C-alpha cells in the first residue's frame, strides 16, 4: 500500500492495525517495524521513517492453518503424510476437518496512523 504522510507534526507514530487474524509482520519503506502477535495490534516507530510522499506499507499476515486444513479435507486432497504417527480425532476416529467452520483470517482493520508527541523534560 502506498500513501502520503499526514500533514501533522509528530515525534513518532503509532501504527494501529485494528483486527488481525492472527499475526502481522510490518515493514515501512523497506524497514522492518516489527511483528504484532497480540491485541492491540500496534507498532510504534520513529517519525524519520515516514517520508512526506511515496510511503510503502507492507503487512504480511499469518493466520491459523484451520481454513487450509478444512479446504484440503473438503477437496479430498491427501495431506496427512506422516510416517510415525496415527492422525485421528479426539474420539480416535479418522480425522476430518471438512465440516469445520470458516475462521476469520487476514488484516481486518481498520488501519490507522496516530501521531505521537514525546514529552519534553521540565527544566
PDB file of N, CA and C in Angstrom:
ATOM      1  N   UNK A   1       0.841  -1.171   0.000  1.00  0.00           N
ATOM      2  CA  UNK A   1       0.000   0.000   0.000  1.00  0.00           C
ATOM      3  C   UNK A   1       0.884   1.232   0.000  1.00  0.00           C
ATOM      4  N   UNK A   2       0.592   2.175  -0.845  1.00  0.00           N
ATOM      5  CA  UNK A   2       1.326   3.440  -0.899  1.00  0.00           C
ATOM      6  C   UNK A   2       0.448   4.547  -0.328  1.00  0.00           C
ATOM      7  N   UNK A   3       1.090   5.494   0.359  1.00  0.00           N
ATOM      8  CA  UNK A   3       0.323   6.593   0.941  1.00  0.00           C
ATOM      9  C   UNK A   3       1.237   7.781   1.192  1.00  0.00           C
ATOM     10  N   UNK A   4       0.614   8.951   1.367  1.00  0.00           N
ATOM     11  CA  UNK A   4       1.332  10.164   1.735  1.00  0.00           C
ATOM     12  C   UNK A   4       1.235  10.340   3.243  1.00  0.00           C
ATOM     13  N   UNK A   5       2.265  10.934   3.824  1.00  0.00           N
ATOM     14  CA  UNK A   5       2.258  11.176   5.266  1.00  0.00           C
ATOM     15  C   UNK A   5       1.206  12.226   5.603  1.00  0.00           C
ATOM     16  N   UNK A   6       0.511  12.050   6.731  1.00  0.00           N
ATOM     17  CA  UNK A   6      -0.427  13.094   7.167  1.00  0.00           C
ATOM     18  C   UNK A   6       0.315  14.401   7.417  1.00  0.00           C
ATOM     19  N   UNK A   7      -0.342  15.503   7.194  1.00  0.00           N
ATOM     20  CA  UNK A   7       0.270  16.822   7.399  1.00  0.00           C
ATOM     21  C   UNK A   7       0.120  17.213   8.870  1.00  0.00           C
ATOM     22  N   UNK A   8       0.786  16.436   9.740  1.00  0.00           N
ATOM     23  CA  UNK A   8       0.718  16.627  11.184  1.00  0.00           C
ATOM     24  C   UNK A   8       2.126  16.492  11.746  1.00  0.00           C
ATOM     25  N   UNK A   9       2.484  17.382  12.658  1.00  0.00           N
ATOM     26  CA  UNK A   9       3.795  17.277  13.306  1.00  0.00           C
ATOM     27  C   UNK A   9       3.738  16.163  14.347  1.00  0.00           C
ATOM     28  N   UNK A  10       4.738  15.293  14.320  1.00  0.00           N
ATOM     29  CA  UNK A  10       4.796  14.192  15.284  1.00  0.00           C
ATOM     30  C   UNK A  10       6.251  13.823  15.527  1.00  0.00           C
ATOM     31  N   UNK A  11       6.538  13.423  16.766  1.00  0.00           N
ATOM     32  CA  UNK A  11       7.873  12.937  17.105  1.00  0.00           C
ATOM     33  C   UNK A  11       8.005  11.459  16.764  1.00  0.00           C
ATOM     34  N   UNK A  12       6.887  10.771  16.810  1.00  0.00           N
ATOM     35  CA  UNK A  12       6.833   9.344  16.498  1.00  0.00           C
ATOM     36  C   UNK A  12       5.409   9.048  16.029  1.00  0.00           C
ATOM     37  N   UNK A  13       5.209   7.831  15.540  1.00  0.00           N
ATOM     38  CA  UNK A  13       3.894   7.421  15.049  1.00  0.00           C
ATOM     39  C   UNK A  13       3.519   6.065  15.636  1.00  0.00           C
ATOM     40  N   UNK A  14       2.233   5.870  15.788  1.00  0.00           N
ATOM     41  CA  UNK A  14       1.709   4.591  16.225  1.00  0.00           C
ATOM     42  C   UNK A  14       0.853   4.036  15.090  1.00  0.00           C
ATOM     43  N   UNK A  15       1.277   2.918  14.554  1.00  0.00           N
ATOM     44  CA  UNK A  15       0.519   2.249  13.502  1.00  0.00           C
ATOM     45  C   UNK A  15      -0.426   1.256  14.174  1.00  0.00           C
ATOM     46  N   UNK A  16      -1.704   1.535  14.103  1.00  0.00           N
ATOM     47  CA  UNK A  16      -2.707   0.647  14.678  1.00  0.00           C
ATOM     48  C   UNK A  16      -3.315  -0.173  13.547  1.00  0.00           C
ATOM     49  N   UNK A  17      -3.187  -1.486  13.633  1.00  0.00           N
ATOM     50  CA  UNK A  17      -3.660  -2.364  12.564  1.00  0.00           C
ATOM     51  C   UNK A  17      -5.106  -2.794  12.742  1.00  0.00           C
ATOM     52  N   UNK A  18      -5.697  -2.487  13.882  1.00  0.00           N
ATOM     53  CA  UNK A  18      -7.074  -2.908  14.126  1.00  0.00           C
ATOM     54  C   UNK A  18      -7.131  -4.398  14.394  1.00  0.00           C
ATOM     55  N   UNK A  19      -8.071  -5.072  13.778  1.00  0.00           N
ATOM     56  CA  UNK A  19      -8.234  -6.514  13.995  1.00  0.00           C
ATOM     57  C   UNK A  19      -7.350  -7.281  13.013  1.00  0.00           C
ATOM     58  N   UNK A  20      -6.545  -8.181  13.576  1.00  0.00           N
ATOM     59  CA  UNK A  20      -5.647  -9.023  12.784  1.00  0.00           C
ATOM     60  C   UNK A  20      -5.906 -10.468  13.174  1.00  0.00           C
ATOM     61  N   UNK A  21      -6.030 -11.325  12.206  1.00  0.00           N
ATOM     62  CA  UNK A  21      -6.189 -12.762  12.452  1.00  0.00           C
ATOM     63  C   UNK A  21      -5.023 -13.476  11.806  1.00  0.00           C
ATOM     64  N   UNK A  22      -3.965 -13.753  12.418  1.00  0.00           N
ATOM     65  CA  UNK A  22      -3.531 -13.951  13.768  1.00  0.00           C
ATOM     66  C   UNK A  22      -2.307 -13.117  14.119  1.00  0.00           C
ATOM     67  N   UNK A  23      -1.381 -12.925  13.215  1.00  0.00           N
ATOM     68  CA  UNK A  23      -0.213 -12.081  13.491  1.00  0.00           C
ATOM     69  C   UNK A  23       0.161 -11.318  12.224  1.00  0.00           C
ATOM     70  N   UNK A  24       0.910 -10.216  12.412  1.00  0.00           N
ATOM     71  CA  UNK A  24       1.275  -9.378  11.269  1.00  0.00           C
ATOM     72  C   UNK A  24       2.717  -8.911  11.378  1.00  0.00           C
ATOM     73  N   UNK A  25       3.466  -9.145  10.309  1.00  0.00           N
ATOM     74  CA  UNK A  25       4.837  -8.621  10.200  1.00  0.00           C
ATOM     75  C   UNK A  25       4.746  -7.364   9.341  1.00  0.00           C
ATOM     76  N   UNK A  26       5.349  -6.255   9.830  1.00  0.00           N
ATOM     77  CA  UNK A  26       5.150  -4.949   9.200  1.00  0.00           C
ATOM     78  C   UNK A  26       6.481  -4.341   8.769  1.00  0.00           C
ATOM     79  N   UNK A  27       6.481  -3.793   7.538  1.00  0.00           N
ATOM     80  CA  UNK A  27       7.623  -3.051   7.009  1.00  0.00           C
ATOM     81  C   UNK A  27       7.107  -1.711   6.475  1.00  0.00           C
ATOM     82  N   UNK A  28       7.903  -0.679   6.695  1.00  0.00           N
ATOM     83  CA  UNK A  28       7.592   0.639   6.158  1.00  0.00           C
ATOM     84  C   UNK A  28       8.785   1.115   5.360  1.00  0.00           C
ATOM     85  N   UNK A  29       8.568   1.376   4.091  1.00  0.00           N
ATOM     86  CA  UNK A  29       9.631   1.837   3.189  1.00  0.00           C
ATOM     87  C   UNK A  29      10.850   0.918   3.239  1.00  0.00           C
ATOM     88  N   UNK A  30      10.590  -0.378   3.325  1.00  0.00           N
ATOM     89  CA  UNK A  30      11.657  -1.362   3.330  1.00  0.00           C
ATOM     90  C   UNK A  30      12.273  -1.621   4.691  1.00  0.00           C
ATOM     91  N   UNK A  31      11.898  -0.848   5.708  1.00  0.00           N
ATOM     92  CA  UNK A  31      12.432  -1.026   7.063  1.00  0.00           C
ATOM     93  C   UNK A  31      11.489  -1.905   7.877  1.00  0.00           C
ATOM     94  N   UNK A  32      11.997  -2.990   8.472  1.00  0.00           N
ATOM     95  CA  UNK A  32      11.130  -3.810   9.318  1.00  0.00           C
ATOM     96  C   UNK A  32      10.751  -3.041  10.585  1.00  0.00           C
ATOM     97  N   UNK A  33       9.439  -2.948  10.846  1.00  0.00           N
ATOM     98  CA  UNK A  33       8.969  -2.270  12.054  1.00  0.00           C
ATOM     99  C   UNK A  33       8.750  -3.245  13.197  1.00  0.00           C
ATOM    100  N   UNK A  34       8.468  -4.491  12.865  1.00  0.00           N
ATOM    101  CA  UNK A  34       8.241  -5.487  13.904  1.00  0.00           C
ATOM    102  C   UNK A  34       7.113  -6.418  13.542  1.00  0.00           C
ATOM    103  N   UNK A  35       6.794  -7.305  14.496  1.00  0.00           N
ATOM    104  CA  UNK A  35       5.715  -8.265  14.326  1.00  0.00           C
ATOM    105  C   UNK A  35       4.719  -8.087  15.460  1.00  0.00           C
ATOM    106  N   UNK A  36       3.458  -7.900  15.110  1.00  0.00           N
ATOM    107  CA  UNK A  36       2.393  -7.763  16.103  1.00  0.00           C
ATOM    108  C   UNK A  36       1.722  -9.123  16.248  1.00  0.00           C
ATOM    109  N   UNK A  37       1.755  -9.666  17.480  1.00  0.00           N
ATOM    110  CA  UNK A  37       1.250 -11.022  17.681  1.00  0.00           C
ATOM    111  C   UNK A  37       0.074 -11.099  18.650  1.00  0.00           C
ATOM    112  N   UNK A  38      -0.298  -9.971  19.258  1.00  0.00           N
ATOM    113  CA  UNK A  38      -1.382  -9.978  20.230  1.00  0.00           C
ATOM    114  C   UNK A  38      -2.066  -8.613  20.216  1.00  0.00           C
ATOM    115  N   UNK A  39      -3.346  -8.606  20.535  1.00  0.00           N
ATOM    116  CA  UNK A  39      -4.094  -7.346  20.589  1.00  0.00           C
ATOM    117  C   UNK A  39      -3.608  -6.508  21.767  1.00  0.00           C
ATOM    118  N   UNK A  40      -3.514  -5.193  21.632  1.00  0.00           N
ATOM    119  CA  UNK A  40      -3.842  -4.454  20.422  1.00  0.00           C
ATOM    120  C   UNK A  40      -2.709  -4.565  19.406  1.00  0.00           C
ATOM    121  N   UNK A  41      -3.047  -4.784  18.180  1.00  0.00           N
ATOM    122  CA  UNK A  41      -2.058  -4.961  17.116  1.00  0.00           C
ATOM    123  C   UNK A  41      -1.577  -3.577  16.684  1.00  0.00           C
ATOM    124  N   UNK A  42      -0.509  -3.126  17.329  1.00  0.00           N
ATOM    125  CA  UNK A  42       0.008  -1.798  17.024  1.00  0.00           C
ATOM    126  C   UNK A  42       1.525  -1.782  17.162  1.00  0.00           C
ATOM    127  N   UNK A  43       2.146  -0.888  16.396  1.00  0.00           N
ATOM    128  CA  UNK A  43       3.599  -0.770  16.387  1.00  0.00           C
ATOM    129  C   UNK A  43       3.968   0.708  16.370  1.00  0.00           C
ATOM    130  N   UNK A  44       4.867   1.090  17.277  1.00  0.00           N
ATOM    131  CA  UNK A  44       5.360   2.466  17.352  1.00  0.00           C
ATOM    132  C   UNK A  44       6.631   2.555  16.508  1.00  0.00           C
ATOM    133  N   UNK A  45       6.773   3.666  15.790  1.00  0.00           N
ATOM    134  CA  UNK A  45       8.005   3.874  15.030  1.00  0.00           C
ATOM    135  C   UNK A  45       8.361   5.355  15.014  1.00  0.00           C
ATOM    136  N   UNK A  46       9.635   5.635  14.794  1.00  0.00           N
ATOM    137  CA  UNK A  46      10.144   6.999  14.804  1.00  0.00           C
ATOM    138  C   UNK A  46       9.689   7.762  13.562  1.00  0.00           C
ATOM    139  N   UNK A  47       9.505   9.065  13.727  1.00  0.00           N
ATOM    140  CA  UNK A  47       8.956   9.917  12.666  1.00  0.00           C
ATOM    141  C   UNK A  47       9.829   9.948  11.417  1.00  0.00           C
ATOM    142  N   UNK A  48      11.155   9.826  11.569  1.00  0.00           N
ATOM    143  CA  UNK A  48      12.030   9.940  10.400  1.00  0.00           C
ATOM    144  C   UNK A  48      11.850   8.802   9.399  1.00  0.00           C
ATOM    145  N   UNK A  49      11.196   7.707   9.789  1.00  0.00           N
ATOM    146  CA  UNK A  49      10.940   6.616   8.837  1.00  0.00           C
ATOM    147  C   UNK A  49       9.815   6.951   7.865  1.00  0.00           C
ATOM    148  N   UNK A  50       9.030   7.955   8.191  1.00  0.00           N
ATOM    149  CA  UNK A  50       7.889   8.344   7.356  1.00  0.00           C
ATOM    150  C   UNK A  50       8.309   9.465   6.404  1.00  0.00           C
ATOM    151  N   UNK A  51       8.177   9.225   5.100  1.00  0.00           N
ATOM    152  CA  UNK A  51       8.502  10.228   4.095  1.00  0.00           C
ATOM    153  C   UNK A  51       7.269  11.082   3.820  1.00  0.00           C
ATOM    154  N   UNK A  52       7.454  12.316   3.347  1.00  0.00           N
ATOM    155  CA  UNK A  52       6.285  13.152   3.034  1.00  0.00           C
ATOM    156  C   UNK A  52       5.378  12.510   1.975  1.00  0.00           C
ATOM    157  N   UNK A  53       5.988  11.864   0.969  1.00  0.00           N
ATOM    158  CA  UNK A  53       5.206  11.234  -0.106  1.00  0.00           C
ATOM    159  C   UNK A  53       5.836   9.895  -0.461  1.00  0.00           C
ATOM    160  N   UNK A  54       5.022   9.024  -1.045  1.00  0.00           N
ATOM    161  CA  UNK A  54       5.534   7.766  -1.572  1.00  0.00           C
ATOM    162  C   UNK A  54       5.904   6.726  -0.532  1.00  0.00           C
ATOM    163  N   UNK A  55       5.250   6.738   0.611  1.00  0.00           N
ATOM    164  CA  UNK A  55       5.490   5.711   1.624  1.00  0.00           C
ATOM    165  C   UNK A  55       4.893   4.386   1.173  1.00  0.00           C
ATOM    166  N   UNK A  56       5.601   3.309   1.468  1.00  0.00           N
ATOM    167  CA  UNK A  56       5.108   1.966   1.126  1.00  0.00           C
ATOM    168  C   UNK A  56       4.995   1.160   2.417  1.00  0.00           C
ATOM    169  N   UNK A  57       3.770   0.780   2.750  1.00  0.00           N
ATOM    170  CA  UNK A  57       3.491  -0.030   3.924  1.00  0.00           C
ATOM    171  C   UNK A  57       3.218  -1.455   3.479  1.00  0.00           C
ATOM    172  N   UNK A  58       3.971  -2.408   4.053  1.00  0.00           N
ATOM    173  CA  UNK A  58       3.779  -3.826   3.750  1.00  0.00           C
ATOM    174  C   UNK A  58       3.389  -4.538   5.040  1.00  0.00           C
ATOM    175  N   UNK A  59       2.261  -5.246   4.992  1.00  0.00           N
ATOM    176  CA  UNK A  59       1.790  -6.004   6.138  1.00  0.00           C
ATOM    177  C   UNK A  59       1.604  -7.444   5.686  1.00  0.00           C
ATOM    178  N   UNK A  60       2.398  -8.334   6.259  1.00  0.00           N
ATOM    179  CA  UNK A  60       2.327  -9.757   5.931  1.00  0.00           C
ATOM    180  C   UNK A  60       1.621 -10.465   7.082  1.00  0.00           C
ATOM    181  N   UNK A  61       0.429 -10.971   6.805  1.00  0.00           N
ATOM    182  CA  UNK A  61      -0.386 -11.601   7.848  1.00  0.00           C
ATOM    183  C   UNK A  61      -0.249 -13.113   7.781  1.00  0.00           C
ATOM    184  N   UNK A  62      -0.050 -13.713   8.937  1.00  0.00           N
ATOM    185  CA  UNK A  62      -0.024 -15.170   9.063  1.00  0.00           C
ATOM    186  C   UNK A  62      -1.209 -15.559   9.926  1.00  0.00           C
ATOM    187  N   UNK A  63      -2.018 -16.489   9.445  1.00  0.00           N
ATOM    188  CA  UNK A  63      -3.159 -16.902  10.240  1.00  0.00           C
ATOM    189  C   UNK A  63      -3.094 -18.385  10.540  1.00  0.00           C
ATOM    190  N   UNK A  64      -4.084 -18.859  11.260  1.00  0.00           N
ATOM    191  CA  UNK A  64      -4.124 -20.270  11.619  1.00  0.00           C
ATOM    192  C   UNK A  64      -4.298 -21.132  10.386  1.00  0.00           C
ATOM    193  N   UNK A  65      -3.883 -22.368  10.482  1.00  0.00           N
ATOM    194  CA  UNK A  65      -3.991 -23.277   9.340  1.00  0.00           C
ATOM    195  C   UNK A  65      -5.352 -23.959   9.252  1.00  0.00           C
ATOM    196  N   UNK A  66      -6.272 -23.640  10.149  1.00  0.00           N
ATOM    197  CA  UNK A  66      -7.560 -24.332  10.184  1.00  0.00           C
ATOM    198  C   UNK A  66      -8.324 -24.225   8.863  1.00  0.00           C
ATOM    199  N   UNK A  67      -8.366 -23.050   8.256  1.00  0.00           N
ATOM    200  CA  UNK A  67      -9.095 -22.893   6.991  1.00  0.00           C
ATOM    201  C   UNK A  67      -8.449 -23.714   5.875  1.00  0.00           C
ATOM    202  N   UNK A  68      -7.128 -23.755   5.869  1.00  0.00           N
ATOM    203  CA  UNK A  68      -6.416 -24.544   4.849  1.00  0.00           C
ATOM    204  C   UNK A  68      -6.694 -26.034   5.019  1.00  0.00           C
ATOM    205  N   UNK A  69      -6.636 -26.519   6.264  1.00  0.00           N
ATOM    206  CA  UNK A  69      -6.915 -27.937   6.530  1.00  0.00           C
ATOM    207  C   UNK A  69      -8.352 -28.276   6.136  1.00  0.00           C
ATOM    208  N   UNK A  70      -9.292 -27.389   6.462  1.00  0.00           N
ATOM    209  CA  UNK A  70     -10.697 -27.592   6.078  1.00  0.00           C
ATOM    210  C   UNK A  70     -10.828 -27.722   4.562  1.00  0.00           C
ATOM    211  N   UNK A  71     -10.188 -26.813   3.842  1.00  0.00           N
ATOM    212  CA  UNK A  71     -10.251 -26.837   2.385  1.00  0.00           C
ATOM    213  C   UNK A  71      -9.665 -28.130   1.816  1.00  0.00           C
ATOM    214  N   UNK A  72      -8.516 -28.551   2.327  1.00  0.00           N
ATOM    215  CA  UNK A  72      -7.895 -29.780   1.833  1.00  0.00           C
ATOM    216  C   UNK A  72      -8.798 -30.995   2.071  1.00  0.00           C
ATOM    217  N   UNK A  73      -9.414 -31.063   3.250  1.00  0.00           N
ATOM    218  CA  UNK A  73     -10.313 -32.183   3.528  1.00  0.00           C
ATOM    219  C   UNK A  73     -11.574 -32.124   2.661  1.00  0.00           C
ATOM    220  N   UNK A  74     -12.103 -30.942   2.407  1.00  0.00           N
ATOM    221  CA  UNK A  74     -13.306 -30.815   1.561  1.00  0.00           C
ATOM    222  C   UNK A  74     -13.013 -31.259   0.122  1.00  0.00           C
ATOM    223  N   UNK A  75     -11.812 -30.979  -0.344  1.00  0.00           N
ATOM    224  CA  UNK A  75     -11.439 -31.365  -1.706  1.00  0.00           C
ATOM    225  C   UNK A  75     -10.790 -32.742  -1.771  1.00  0.00           C
ATOM    226  N   UNK A  76     -10.697 -33.408  -0.616  1.00  0.00           N
ATOM    227  CA  UNK A  76     -10.133 -34.757  -0.514  1.00  0.00           C
ATOM    228  C   UNK A  76      -8.688 -34.826  -1.016  1.00  0.00           C
ATOM    229  N   UNK A  77      -7.934 -33.786  -0.704  1.00  0.00           N
ATOM    230  CA  UNK A  77      -6.511 -33.732  -1.043  1.00  0.00           C
ATOM    231  C   UNK A  77      -5.735 -34.453   0.062  1.00  0.00           C
ATOM    232  N   UNK A  78      -4.893 -35.417  -0.292  1.00  0.00           N
ATOM    233  CA  UNK A  78      -4.120 -36.102   0.756  1.00  0.00           C
ATOM    234  C   UNK A  78      -3.053 -35.176   1.341  1.00  0.00           C
ATOM    235  N   UNK A  79      -3.192 -34.873   2.610  1.00  0.00           N
ATOM    236  CA  UNK A  79      -2.221 -34.007   3.277  1.00  0.00           C
ATOM    237  C   UNK A  79      -1.660 -34.647   4.545  1.00  0.00           C
ATOM    238  N   UNK A  80      -2.272 -35.701   5.012  1.00  0.00           N
ATOM    239  CA  UNK A  80      -1.809 -36.379   6.232  1.00  0.00           C
ATOM    240  C   UNK A  80      -0.714 -37.372   5.855  1.00  0.00           C
ATOM    241  N   UNK A  81       0.447 -36.869   5.571  1.00  0.00           N
ATOM    242  CA  UNK A  81       1.551 -37.721   5.126  1.00  0.00           C
ATOM    243  C   UNK A  81       2.560 -37.800   6.272  1.00  0.00           C
ATOM    244  N   UNK A  82       2.224 -38.639   7.254  1.00  0.00           N
ATOM    245  CA  UNK A  82       3.076 -38.832   8.431  1.00  0.00           C
ATOM    246  C   UNK A  82       3.503 -40.288   8.444  1.00  0.00           C
ATOM    247  N   UNK A  83       4.750 -40.548   8.782  1.00  0.00           N
ATOM    248  CA  UNK A  83       5.262 -41.914   8.745  1.00  0.00           C
ATOM    249  C   UNK A  83       5.272 -42.593  10.102  1.00  0.00           C
ATOM    250  N   UNK A  84       5.319 -41.843  11.184  1.00  0.00           N
ATOM    251  CA  UNK A  84       5.458 -42.448  12.506  1.00  0.00           C
ATOM    252  C   UNK A  84       4.336 -42.057  13.460  1.00  0.00           C
ATOM    253  N   UNK A  85       3.171 -41.710  12.933  1.00  0.00           N
ATOM    254  CA  UNK A  85       2.087 -41.261  13.799  1.00  0.00           C
ATOM    255  C   UNK A  85       0.744 -41.619  13.163  1.00  0.00           C
ATOM    256  N   UNK A  86      -0.198 -41.921  13.991  1.00  0.00           N
ATOM    257  CA  UNK A  86      -1.574 -42.091  13.530  1.00  0.00           C
ATOM    258  C   UNK A  86      -2.293 -40.777  13.772  1.00  0.00           C
ATOM    259  N   UNK A  87      -2.939 -40.244  12.758  1.00  0.00           N
ATOM    260  CA  UNK A  87      -3.603 -38.954  12.852  1.00  0.00           C
ATOM    261  C   UNK A  87      -5.093 -39.225  12.981  1.00  0.00           C
ATOM    262  N   UNK A  88      -5.634 -39.032  14.194  1.00  0.00           N
ATOM    263  CA  UNK A  88      -7.050 -39.330  14.444  1.00  0.00           C
ATOM    264  C   UNK A  88      -7.691 -38.161  15.177  1.00  0.00           C
ATOM    265  N   UNK A  89      -9.020 -38.216  15.288  1.00  0.00           N
ATOM    266  CA  UNK A  89      -9.756 -37.205  16.034  1.00  0.00           C
ATOM    267  C   UNK A  89      -9.642 -37.487  17.526  1.00  0.00           C
ATOM    268  N   UNK A  90     -10.229 -36.621  18.324  1.00  0.00           N
ATOM    269  CA  UNK A  90     -10.215 -36.835  19.777  1.00  0.00           C
ATOM    270  C   UNK A  90     -10.975 -38.104  20.168  1.00  0.00           C
ATOM    271  N   UNK A  91     -11.883 -38.555  19.318  1.00  0.00           N
ATOM    272  CA  UNK A  91     -12.642 -39.778  19.580  1.00  0.00           C
ATOM    273  C   UNK A  91     -11.962 -41.004  18.960  1.00  0.00           C
ATOM    274  N   UNK A  92     -10.724 -40.856  18.518  1.00  0.00           N
ATOM    275  CA  UNK A  92      -9.935 -41.927  17.887  1.00  0.00           C
ATOM    276  C   UNK A  92     -10.606 -42.460  16.622  1.00  0.00           C
ATOM    277  N   UNK A  93     -11.206 -41.548  15.877  1.00  0.00           N
ATOM    278  CA  UNK A  93     -11.756 -41.873  14.570  1.00  0.00           C
ATOM    279  C   UNK A  93     -10.922 -41.140  13.519  1.00  0.00           C
ATOM    280  N   UNK A  94     -11.170 -41.482  12.273  1.00  0.00           N
ATOM    281  CA  UNK A  94     -10.453 -40.798  11.191  1.00  0.00           C
ATOM    282  C   UNK A  94     -10.671 -39.289  11.313  1.00  0.00           C
ATOM    283  N   UNK A  95      -9.590 -38.549  11.280  1.00  0.00           N
ATOM    284  CA  UNK A  95      -9.664 -37.086  11.398  1.00  0.00           C
ATOM    285  C   UNK A  95     -10.253 -36.504  10.128  1.00  0.00           C
ATOM    286  N   UNK A  96     -11.233 -35.593  10.278  1.00  0.00           N
ATOM    287  CA  UNK A  96     -11.863 -34.951   9.128  1.00  0.00           C
ATOM    288  C   UNK A  96     -12.256 -33.531   9.513  1.00  0.00           C
ATOM    289  N   UNK A  97     -11.681 -32.561   8.847  1.00  0.00           N
ATOM    290  CA  UNK A  97     -11.964 -31.155   9.141  1.00  0.00           C
ATOM    291  C   UNK A  97     -12.903 -30.527   8.127  1.00  0.00           C
ATOM    292  N   UNK A  98     -13.483 -31.313   7.236  1.00  0.00           N
ATOM    293  CA  UNK A  98     -14.291 -30.754   6.147  1.00  0.00           C
ATOM    294  C   UNK A  98     -15.531 -30.007   6.629  1.00  0.00           C
ATOM    295  N   UNK A  99     -15.999 -30.266   7.831  1.00  0.00           N
ATOM    296  CA  UNK A  99     -17.183 -29.562   8.349  1.00  0.00           C
ATOM    297  C   UNK A  99     -16.841 -28.466   9.354  1.00  0.00           C
ATOM    298  N   UNK A 100     -15.567 -28.175   9.507  1.00  0.00           N
ATOM    299  CA  UNK A 100     -15.191 -27.089  10.400  1.00  0.00           C
ATOM    300  C   UNK A 100     -15.767 -25.772   9.878  1.00  0.00           C
ATOM    301  N   UNK A 101     -16.077 -24.836  10.771  1.00  0.00           N
ATOM    302  CA  UNK A 101     -16.497 -23.509  10.288  1.00  0.00           C
ATOM    303  C   UNK A 101     -15.298 -22.778   9.695  1.00  0.00           C
ATOM    304  N   UNK A 102     -15.575 -21.805   8.869  1.00  0.00           N
ATOM    305  CA  UNK A 102     -14.503 -20.964   8.330  1.00  0.00           C
ATOM    306  C   UNK A 102     -14.174 -19.912   9.378  1.00  0.00           C
ATOM    307  N   UNK A 103     -12.894 -19.809   9.724  1.00  0.00           N
ATOM    308  CA  UNK A 103     -12.449 -18.852  10.728  1.00  0.00           C
ATOM    309  C   UNK A 103     -12.030 -17.551  10.059  1.00  0.00           C
ATOM    310  N   UNK A 104     -12.261 -16.414  10.711  1.00  0.00           N
ATOM    311  CA  UNK A 104     -11.798 -15.145  10.145  1.00  0.00           C
ATOM    312  C   UNK A 104     -10.288 -15.176   9.961  1.00  0.00           C
ATOM    313  N   UNK A 105      -9.812 -14.547   8.901  1.00  0.00           N
ATOM    314  CA  UNK A 105      -8.373 -14.509   8.664  1.00  0.00           C
ATOM    315  C   UNK A 105      -8.008 -13.239   7.914  1.00  0.00           C
ATOM    316  N   UNK A 106      -6.780 -12.809   8.126  1.00  0.00           N
ATOM    317  CA  UNK A 106      -6.269 -11.663   7.393  1.00  0.00           C
ATOM    318  C   UNK A 106      -6.213 -10.392   8.218  1.00  0.00           C
ATOM    319  N   UNK A 107      -5.969  -9.297   7.531  1.00  0.00           N
ATOM    320  CA  UNK A 107      -5.937  -7.964   8.123  1.00  0.00           C
ATOM    321  C   UNK A 107      -7.332  -7.380   7.962  1.00  0.00           C
ATOM    322  N   UNK A 108      -8.074  -7.317   9.052  1.00  0.00           N
ATOM    323  CA  UNK A 108      -9.469  -6.889   9.007  1.00  0.00           C
ATOM    324  C   UNK A 108      -9.635  -5.412   9.365  1.00  0.00           C
ATOM    325  N   UNK A 109      -8.597  -4.806   9.975  1.00  0.00           N
ATOM    326  CA  UNK A 109      -8.569  -3.374  10.225  1.00  0.00           C
ATOM    327  C   UNK A 109      -9.535  -2.896  11.292  1.00  0.00           C
ATOM    328  N   UNK A 110      -9.773  -1.603  11.339  1.00  0.00           N
ATOM    329  CA  UNK A 110      -9.244  -0.560  10.462  1.00  0.00           C
ATOM    330  C   UNK A 110      -7.781  -0.232  10.786  1.00  0.00           C
ATOM    331  N   UNK A 111      -7.042   0.176   9.755  1.00  0.00           N
ATOM    332  CA  UNK A 111      -5.640   0.567   9.922  1.00  0.00           C
ATOM    333  C   UNK A 111      -5.601   2.080  10.095  1.00  0.00           C
ATOM    334  N   UNK A 112      -4.889   2.528  11.146  1.00  0.00           N
ATOM    335  CA  UNK A 112      -4.806   3.962  11.427  1.00  0.00           C
ATOM    336  C   UNK A 112      -3.370   4.336  11.780  1.00  0.00           C
ATOM    337  N   UNK A 113      -3.001   5.545  11.440  1.00  0.00           N
ATOM    338  CA  UNK A 113      -1.698   6.098  11.766  1.00  0.00           C
ATOM    339  C   UNK A 113      -1.934   7.248  12.744  1.00  0.00           C
ATOM    340  N   UNK A 114      -1.429   7.105  13.978  1.00  0.00           N
ATOM    341  CA  UNK A 114      -1.693   8.076  15.045  1.00  0.00           C
ATOM    342  C   UNK A 114      -0.400   8.816  15.381  1.00  0.00           C
ATOM    343  N   UNK A 115      -0.420  10.160  15.335  1.00  0.00           N
ATOM    344  CA  UNK A 115       0.791  10.916  15.686  1.00  0.00           C
ATOM    345  C   UNK A 115       1.031  10.869  17.191  1.00  0.00           C
ATOM    346  N   UNK A 116       2.313  10.794  17.580  1.00  0.00           N
ATOM    347  CA  UNK A 116       2.698  10.788  18.989  1.00  0.00           C
ATOM    348  C   UNK A 116       3.653  11.944  19.256  1.00  0.00           C
ATOM    349  N   UNK A 117       3.524  12.518  20.425  1.00  0.00           N
ATOM    350  CA  UNK A 117       4.430  13.574  20.878  1.00  0.00           C
ATOM    351  C   UNK A 117       5.238  13.034  22.040  1.00  0.00           C
ATOM    352  N   UNK A 118       6.547  13.236  21.987  1.00  0.00           N
ATOM    353  CA  UNK A 118       7.394  12.847  23.102  1.00  0.00           C
ATOM    354  C   UNK A 118       7.438  14.010  24.074  1.00  0.00           C
ATOM    355  N   UNK A 119       7.107  13.748  25.329  1.00  0.00           N
ATOM    356  CA  UNK A 119       7.086  14.843  26.296  1.00  0.00           C
ATOM    357  C   UNK A 119       8.506  15.344  26.556  1.00  0.00           C
ATOM    358  N   UNK A 120       8.633  16.633  26.695  1.00  0.00           N
ATOM    359  CA  UNK A 120       9.929  17.261  26.945  1.00  0.00           C
ATOM    360  C   UNK A 120      10.182  17.309  28.448  1.00  0.00           C
ATOM    361  N   UNK A 121      11.419  17.039  28.884  1.00  0.00           N
ATOM    362  CA  UNK A 121      11.713  17.127  30.316  1.00  0.00           C
ATOM    363  C   UNK A 121      11.576  18.573  30.810  1.00  0.00           C
ATOM    364  N   UNK A 122      11.120  18.711  32.034  1.00  0.00           N
ATOM    365  CA  UNK A 122      10.976  20.060  32.610  1.00  0.00           C
ATOM    366  C   UNK A 122      12.338  20.596  33.024  1.00  0.00           C
ATOM    367  N   UNK A 123      12.556  21.903  32.835  1.00  0.00           N
ATOM    368  CA  UNK A 123      13.862  22.498  33.205  1.00  0.00           C
ATOM    369  C   UNK A 123      14.048  22.546  34.706  1.00  0.00           C
TER     370      UNK A 123
END
